[in-house]
Protein backbone atom coordinates (compact mmCIF):
# COMPACT_ATOMS: atom_id res chain seq x y z
CA ASP A 1 10.65 106.28 15.30
CA PHE A 2 8.51 104.84 18.14
CA ASN A 3 10.23 101.38 18.36
CA ASP A 4 13.65 103.05 18.81
CA TYR A 5 12.21 105.38 21.42
CA LYS A 6 10.64 102.50 23.32
CA LYS A 7 13.91 100.57 23.18
CA VAL A 8 15.80 103.41 24.81
CA ILE A 9 13.07 103.79 27.48
CA VAL A 10 13.20 100.08 28.36
CA GLU A 11 17.02 99.95 28.45
CA LYS A 12 17.16 102.98 30.84
CA ILE A 13 14.63 101.35 33.13
CA LYS A 14 16.41 97.96 33.08
CA LEU A 15 19.68 99.65 33.95
CA GLU A 16 18.12 101.26 37.08
CA PHE A 17 16.53 97.95 37.87
CA THR A 18 19.92 96.23 37.81
CA ASN A 19 21.56 99.02 39.81
CA LEU A 20 18.91 98.78 42.59
CA LYS A 21 19.52 95.13 43.29
CA ASP A 22 21.66 94.74 46.33
CA ALA A 23 24.29 92.07 45.81
CA LYS A 24 23.50 90.55 49.20
CA ASN A 25 19.81 90.45 48.41
CA ARG A 26 18.70 87.18 46.85
CA ILE A 27 15.52 88.45 45.23
CA THR A 28 14.38 86.48 42.13
CA GLY A 29 11.30 86.69 40.00
CA GLN A 30 9.74 89.15 37.65
CA ALA A 31 7.46 92.12 37.58
CA ASN A 32 5.29 93.42 34.83
CA VAL A 33 4.91 97.12 35.05
CA ASN A 34 2.64 99.56 33.16
CA PHE A 35 3.19 103.27 33.08
CA ILE A 36 2.32 106.38 31.11
CA LEU A 37 4.67 108.91 29.73
CA ASN A 38 3.71 112.50 28.74
CA CYS A 39 4.97 113.69 25.33
CA ASP A 40 7.67 115.74 27.18
CA GLY A 41 9.06 112.40 28.51
CA SER A 42 7.81 112.88 32.10
CA LEU A 43 6.11 110.11 34.06
CA LYS A 44 2.32 110.57 34.35
CA GLY A 45 1.16 109.29 37.70
CA GLU A 46 2.46 106.15 39.47
CA PRO A 47 3.62 103.00 37.67
CA LEU A 48 1.15 100.11 38.00
CA ILE A 49 2.24 96.58 38.63
CA SER A 50 0.15 94.15 36.65
CA SER A 51 1.84 91.07 38.06
CA VAL A 52 4.77 90.46 40.45
CA SER A 53 6.36 87.51 42.29
CA SER A 54 7.25 89.30 45.54
CA GLY A 55 6.59 92.47 47.52
CA ASP A 56 10.30 93.44 47.53
CA LEU A 57 10.35 93.11 43.72
CA ARG A 58 7.29 95.27 43.46
CA SER A 59 9.00 98.15 45.30
CA ILE A 60 12.20 97.74 43.23
CA ALA A 61 10.32 97.73 39.90
CA ILE A 62 8.44 100.90 40.78
CA LYS A 63 11.54 102.70 42.06
CA SER A 64 13.38 101.69 38.85
CA ILE A 65 10.86 103.48 36.62
CA GLN A 66 10.72 106.49 38.94
CA LYS A 67 14.57 106.80 38.96
CA ALA A 68 14.82 106.33 35.27
CA ALA A 69 12.29 109.18 34.53
CA SER A 70 12.51 111.76 33.12
CA PHE A 71 12.93 110.55 29.55
CA ARG A 72 13.57 112.39 26.40
CA PRO A 73 10.52 113.83 24.67
CA PHE A 74 8.59 111.80 22.19
CA PRO A 75 9.80 111.81 18.58
CA LYS A 76 7.77 114.27 16.49
CA SER A 77 6.52 111.31 14.43
CA MET A 78 4.54 110.02 17.48
CA ASP A 79 2.20 113.10 17.50
CA LYS A 80 0.54 112.06 20.81
CA ASN A 81 0.17 113.73 24.22
CA GLU A 82 0.82 110.59 26.13
CA GLU A 83 1.63 106.93 25.59
CA LYS A 84 1.22 103.76 27.71
CA PHE A 85 4.28 101.54 28.11
CA SER A 86 4.63 98.06 29.58
CA VAL A 87 7.88 96.47 30.58
CA THR A 88 8.84 93.18 32.28
CA LEU A 89 11.63 93.38 34.77
CA ALA A 90 13.31 90.17 36.04
CA TYR A 91 15.95 88.99 38.49
CA GLU A 92 17.16 85.41 37.96
């Protein structure tokens, strides 16, 4: 179902986001990112940042989504060609 699919997508992105943080880098804050997936799980276009607390965080958030893609195809129950997703990524 869609909620399970979305949960897997968000977890995969958050794992990349965590892996991209350099232990020596003291970046904190959050980024709200919007992106579109095609039904085959591929990223459509570039992720868009709707709000971010720093330029470094902007770059890491976008890279996180790009590195996490490609995702598994949509569940058959979704019956859509594409879907918009939003995720909030944060370093504390």
